[in-house]
Structure formats: structure tokens, C-alpha cells
């Protein structure tokens, strides 16, 4: 297995994995985004498209930046080992990116819920804060 063949196989597998995960995120994330944005379907769709686009750009950028390797591949075994390391790196990134996006959206959702609760209580009511414990 030569280096060019390994690179091509790496690009094919990584791009396929990225597209599959991106499609899954777009499908599964829509319901969550509708909840985050209070049922505003237009806003949820727009944010979903932007998030998926950002996901693709970050993932594929990582794939292309990590494609390079030093030296030649002496055997098929070395080629498969290199390929497995590279695919493992991509899988880790594909696992972390959705979690980071989910955490950011959950934070946005909590803020929106707190803002809605404060507005429902009226402007004259104090904002509820967690008590601080003094030493």
C-alpha cells in the first residue's frame, strides 16, 4: 500500500464519516433547536444549517490538516496502521464537535428559559439568585 493510496482511502473514509454524522446531527438536532428557539421553525432551520455547515468545515478542515505524514509506507501493515490512527483521530473529533455544540445550545436554552421566567414574573420582581455561603 503506497502513501497516495493510503491518503485517498483516508479521505474517502473520513469524508463519508463526516457526511453521515452531519446528516444525523441535522436530523436529530432540529427538535432540540425548536425547543431552544421557542418553536420558531424558521430560526431553528437557519441555525441548524449554520451549525451543520460549521461542523462540516471544522471536520473536513481537520481531516485535510492531519492528512500529511512523514516518510513513506514500507508495507501494507504500516499503511493500515497509519490509516487506523488517522481514522481514529477523525472519529474523536467527530465525537467531540457535536458535544461542544450541544453544550453551547443547552447553555443558550437555559439563558432563554431564565429570561422568559424573569419576564413572566414582571419587571418589579427580583431576580432569583443562588445563595452564597460565607466562610
C-alpha atoms as a PDB file:
ATOM      1  CA  UNK A   1       0.000   0.000   0.000  1.00  0.00           C
ATOM      2  CA  UNK A   2       1.597   3.266  -1.081  1.00  0.00           C
ATOM      3  CA  UNK A   3       1.209   6.678   0.559  1.00  0.00           C
ATOM      4  CA  UNK A   4      -1.097   8.072  -2.150  1.00  0.00           C
ATOM      5  CA  UNK A   5      -3.443   5.101  -1.847  1.00  0.00           C
ATOM      6  CA  UNK A   6      -3.493   5.497   1.927  1.00  0.00           C
ATOM      7  CA  UNK A   7      -4.266   9.212   1.605  1.00  0.00           C
ATOM      8  CA  UNK A   8      -7.088   8.559  -0.844  1.00  0.00           C
ATOM      9  CA  UNK A   9      -8.590   5.856   1.354  1.00  0.00           C
ATOM     10  CA  UNK A  10      -8.274   8.149   4.389  1.00  0.00           C
ATOM     11  CA  UNK A  11     -10.043  10.998   2.547  1.00  0.00           C
ATOM     12  CA  UNK A  12     -12.802   8.687   1.332  1.00  0.00           C
ATOM     13  CA  UNK A  13     -13.480   7.163   4.764  1.00  0.00           C
ATOM     14  CA  UNK A  14     -13.171  10.459   6.664  1.00  0.00           C
ATOM     15  CA  UNK A  15     -15.420  12.356   4.275  1.00  0.00           C
ATOM     16  CA  UNK A  16     -18.016   9.589   4.392  1.00  0.00           C
ATOM     17  CA  UNK A  17     -17.997   9.520   8.186  1.00  0.00           C
ATOM     18  CA  UNK A  18     -18.259  13.311   8.335  1.00  0.00           C
ATOM     19  CA  UNK A  19     -21.254  13.379   5.995  1.00  0.00           C
ATOM     20  CA  UNK A  20     -23.054  10.597   7.883  1.00  0.00           C
ATOM     21  CA  UNK A  21     -22.542  12.323  11.234  1.00  0.00           C
ATOM     22  CA  UNK A  22     -23.551  15.700   9.777  1.00  0.00           C
ATOM     23  CA  UNK A  23     -26.798  14.278   8.391  1.00  0.00           C
ATOM     24  CA  UNK A  24     -27.539  12.681  11.756  1.00  0.00           C
ATOM     25  CA  UNK A  25     -26.894  15.963  13.548  1.00  0.00           C
ATOM     26  CA  UNK A  26     -29.156  17.871  11.181  1.00  0.00           C
ATOM     27  CA  UNK A  27     -31.995  15.396  11.666  1.00  0.00           C
ATOM     28  CA  UNK A  28     -31.701  14.912  15.406  1.00  0.00           C
ATOM     29  CA  UNK A  29     -30.845  18.478  16.297  1.00  0.00           C
ATOM     30  CA  UNK A  30     -33.920  20.055  14.744  1.00  0.00           C
ATOM     31  CA  UNK A  31     -36.269  19.137  17.608  1.00  0.00           C
ATOM     32  CA  UNK A  32     -33.785  20.455  20.148  1.00  0.00           C
ATOM     33  CA  UNK A  33     -33.346  23.706  18.209  1.00  0.00           C
ATOM     34  CA  UNK A  34     -37.113  24.167  18.012  1.00  0.00           C
ATOM     35  CA  UNK A  35     -37.224  23.921  21.794  1.00  0.00           C
ATOM     36  CA  UNK A  36     -34.263  26.277  22.218  1.00  0.00           C
ATOM     37  CA  UNK A  37     -35.855  28.906  19.969  1.00  0.00           C
ATOM     38  CA  UNK A  38     -39.363  28.625  21.392  1.00  0.00           C
ATOM     39  CA  UNK A  39     -40.920  26.860  18.411  1.00  0.00           C
ATOM     40  CA  UNK A  40     -39.633  29.363  15.838  1.00  0.00           C
ATOM     41  CA  UNK A  41     -39.202  26.954  12.926  1.00  0.00           C
ATOM     42  CA  UNK A  42     -37.571  29.472  10.593  1.00  0.00           C
ATOM     43  CA  UNK A  43     -34.899  30.356  13.132  1.00  0.00           C
ATOM     44  CA  UNK A  44     -34.365  26.702  14.083  1.00  0.00           C
ATOM     45  CA  UNK A  45     -33.831  25.726  10.431  1.00  0.00           C
ATOM     46  CA  UNK A  46     -31.436  28.600   9.817  1.00  0.00           C
ATOM     47  CA  UNK A  47     -29.379  27.832  12.904  1.00  0.00           C
ATOM     48  CA  UNK A  48     -29.391  24.133  12.047  1.00  0.00           C
ATOM     49  CA  UNK A  49     -27.986  24.859   8.584  1.00  0.00           C
ATOM     50  CA  UNK A  50     -25.311  27.122  10.041  1.00  0.00           C
ATOM     51  CA  UNK A  51     -24.337  24.557  12.673  1.00  0.00           C
ATOM     52  CA  UNK A  52     -24.124  21.736  10.142  1.00  0.00           C
ATOM     53  CA  UNK A  53     -22.082  23.934   7.799  1.00  0.00           C
ATOM     54  CA  UNK A  54     -19.716  24.829  10.637  1.00  0.00           C
ATOM     55  CA  UNK A  55     -19.489  21.168  11.591  1.00  0.00           C
ATOM     56  CA  UNK A  56     -18.557  20.206   8.037  1.00  0.00           C
ATOM     57  CA  UNK A  57     -15.978  22.962   7.736  1.00  0.00           C
ATOM     58  CA  UNK A  58     -14.313  22.132  11.054  1.00  0.00           C
ATOM     59  CA  UNK A  59     -14.359  18.387  10.461  1.00  0.00           C
ATOM     60  CA  UNK A  60     -13.121  18.451   6.902  1.00  0.00           C
ATOM     61  CA  UNK A  61     -10.547  21.099   7.795  1.00  0.00           C
ATOM     62  CA  UNK A  62      -9.229  18.776  10.475  1.00  0.00           C
ATOM     63  CA  UNK A  63      -9.199  15.881   8.014  1.00  0.00           C
ATOM     64  CA  UNK A  64      -7.133  17.789   5.480  1.00  0.00           C
ATOM     65  CA  UNK A  65      -4.733  19.245   8.043  1.00  0.00           C
ATOM     66  CA  UNK A  66      -3.992  15.847   9.575  1.00  0.00           C
ATOM     67  CA  UNK A  67      -3.626  14.036   6.263  1.00  0.00           C
ATOM     68  CA  UNK A  68       0.091  14.714   5.990  1.00  0.00           C
ATOM     69  CA  UNK A  69       2.540  12.212   7.414  1.00  0.00           C
ATOM     70  CA  UNK A  70       6.297  11.893   7.406  1.00  0.00           C
ATOM     71  CA  UNK A  71       8.057   9.322   5.265  1.00  0.00           C
ATOM     72  CA  UNK A  72       6.860   6.554   3.030  1.00  0.00           C
ATOM     73  CA  UNK A  73       4.848   3.494   3.864  1.00  0.00           C
ATOM     74  CA  UNK A  74       7.051   0.408   3.664  1.00  0.00           C
ATOM     75  CA  UNK A  75       4.341  -2.247   3.871  1.00  0.00           C
ATOM     76  CA  UNK A  76       0.605  -2.823   3.829  1.00  0.00           C
ATOM     77  CA  UNK A  77       0.746  -3.286   7.588  1.00  0.00           C
ATOM     78  CA  UNK A  78       2.326   0.143   8.074  1.00  0.00           C
ATOM     79  CA  UNK A  79      -0.278   1.648   5.742  1.00  0.00           C
ATOM     80  CA  UNK A  80      -3.159   0.123   7.686  1.00  0.00           C
ATOM     81  CA  UNK A  81      -1.654   1.224  10.991  1.00  0.00           C
ATOM     82  CA  UNK A  82      -1.309   4.786   9.735  1.00  0.00           C
ATOM     83  CA  UNK A  83      -4.839   4.689   8.344  1.00  0.00           C
ATOM     84  CA  UNK A  84      -6.266   3.413  11.632  1.00  0.00           C
ATOM     85  CA  UNK A  85      -4.548   6.191  13.604  1.00  0.00           C
ATOM     86  CA  UNK A  86      -5.797   8.850  11.200  1.00  0.00           C
ATOM     87  CA  UNK A  87      -9.361   7.499  11.181  1.00  0.00           C
ATOM     88  CA  UNK A  88      -9.260   7.279  14.990  1.00  0.00           C
ATOM     89  CA  UNK A  89      -8.312  10.958  15.181  1.00  0.00           C
ATOM     90  CA  UNK A  90     -11.199  11.849  12.889  1.00  0.00           C
ATOM     91  CA  UNK A  91     -13.643   9.780  14.941  1.00  0.00           C
ATOM     92  CA  UNK A  92     -12.565  11.566  18.116  1.00  0.00           C
ATOM     93  CA  UNK A  93     -13.120  14.961  16.514  1.00  0.00           C
ATOM     94  CA  UNK A  94     -16.471  13.845  15.093  1.00  0.00           C
ATOM     95  CA  UNK A  95     -17.467  12.757  18.592  1.00  0.00           C
ATOM     96  CA  UNK A  96     -16.326  15.919  20.356  1.00  0.00           C
ATOM     97  CA  UNK A  97     -17.732  18.538  17.957  1.00  0.00           C
ATOM     98  CA  UNK A  98     -21.407  17.579  18.442  1.00  0.00           C
ATOM     99  CA  UNK A  99     -20.926  17.529  22.212  1.00  0.00           C
ATOM    100  CA  UNK A 100     -19.455  21.029  22.164  1.00  0.00           C
ATOM    101  CA  UNK A 101     -22.325  22.273  20.001  1.00  0.00           C
ATOM    102  CA  UNK A 102     -24.863  20.594  22.277  1.00  0.00           C
ATOM    103  CA  UNK A 103     -23.312  22.206  25.357  1.00  0.00           C
ATOM    104  CA  UNK A 104     -23.452  25.634  23.716  1.00  0.00           C
ATOM    105  CA  UNK A 105     -27.078  25.145  22.702  1.00  0.00           C
ATOM    106  CA  UNK A 106     -28.025  23.883  26.159  1.00  0.00           C
ATOM    107  CA  UNK A 107     -26.469  26.998  27.650  1.00  0.00           C
ATOM    108  CA  UNK A 108     -28.430  29.164  25.195  1.00  0.00           C
ATOM    109  CA  UNK A 109     -31.599  27.300  26.127  1.00  0.00           C
ATOM    110  CA  UNK A 110     -31.039  27.827  29.868  1.00  0.00           C
ATOM    111  CA  UNK A 111     -30.468  31.539  29.311  1.00  0.00           C
ATOM    112  CA  UNK A 112     -33.626  31.829  27.214  1.00  0.00           C
ATOM    113  CA  UNK A 113     -35.652  29.977  29.830  1.00  0.00           C
ATOM    114  CA  UNK A 114     -34.283  32.188  32.607  1.00  0.00           C
ATOM    115  CA  UNK A 115     -35.067  35.305  30.574  1.00  0.00           C
ATOM    116  CA  UNK A 116     -38.620  34.062  29.896  1.00  0.00           C
ATOM    117  CA  UNK A 117     -39.115  33.277  33.579  1.00  0.00           C
ATOM    118  CA  UNK A 118     -37.907  36.715  34.567  1.00  0.00           C
ATOM    119  CA  UNK A 119     -40.194  38.399  32.016  1.00  0.00           C
ATOM    120  CA  UNK A 120     -43.163  36.320  33.157  1.00  0.00           C
ATOM    121  CA  UNK A 121     -42.597  37.430  36.731  1.00  0.00           C
ATOM    122  CA  UNK A 122     -42.780  41.084  35.768  1.00  0.00           C
ATOM    123  CA  UNK A 123     -40.202  43.819  35.920  1.00  0.00           C
ATOM    124  CA  UNK A 124     -40.814  44.630  39.587  1.00  0.00           C
ATOM    125  CA  UNK A 125     -39.921  41.190  40.949  1.00  0.00           C
ATOM    126  CA  UNK A 126     -36.356  40.447  41.985  1.00  0.00           C
ATOM    127  CA  UNK A 127     -34.233  38.033  40.005  1.00  0.00           C
ATOM    128  CA  UNK A 128     -33.734  34.728  41.804  1.00  0.00           C
ATOM    129  CA  UNK A 129     -30.097  34.044  42.569  1.00  0.00           C
ATOM    130  CA  UNK A 130     -28.381  31.159  44.245  1.00  0.00           C
ATOM    131  CA  UNK A 131     -27.387  31.938  47.837  1.00  0.00           C
ATOM    132  CA  UNK A 132     -23.738  32.406  48.565  1.00  0.00           C
ATOM    133  CA  UNK A 133     -22.206  30.612  51.516  1.00  0.00           C
ATOM    134  CA  UNK A 134     -19.872  32.748  53.579  1.00  0.00           C
ATOM    135  CA  UNK A 135     -16.867  31.123  55.247  1.00  0.00           C
END
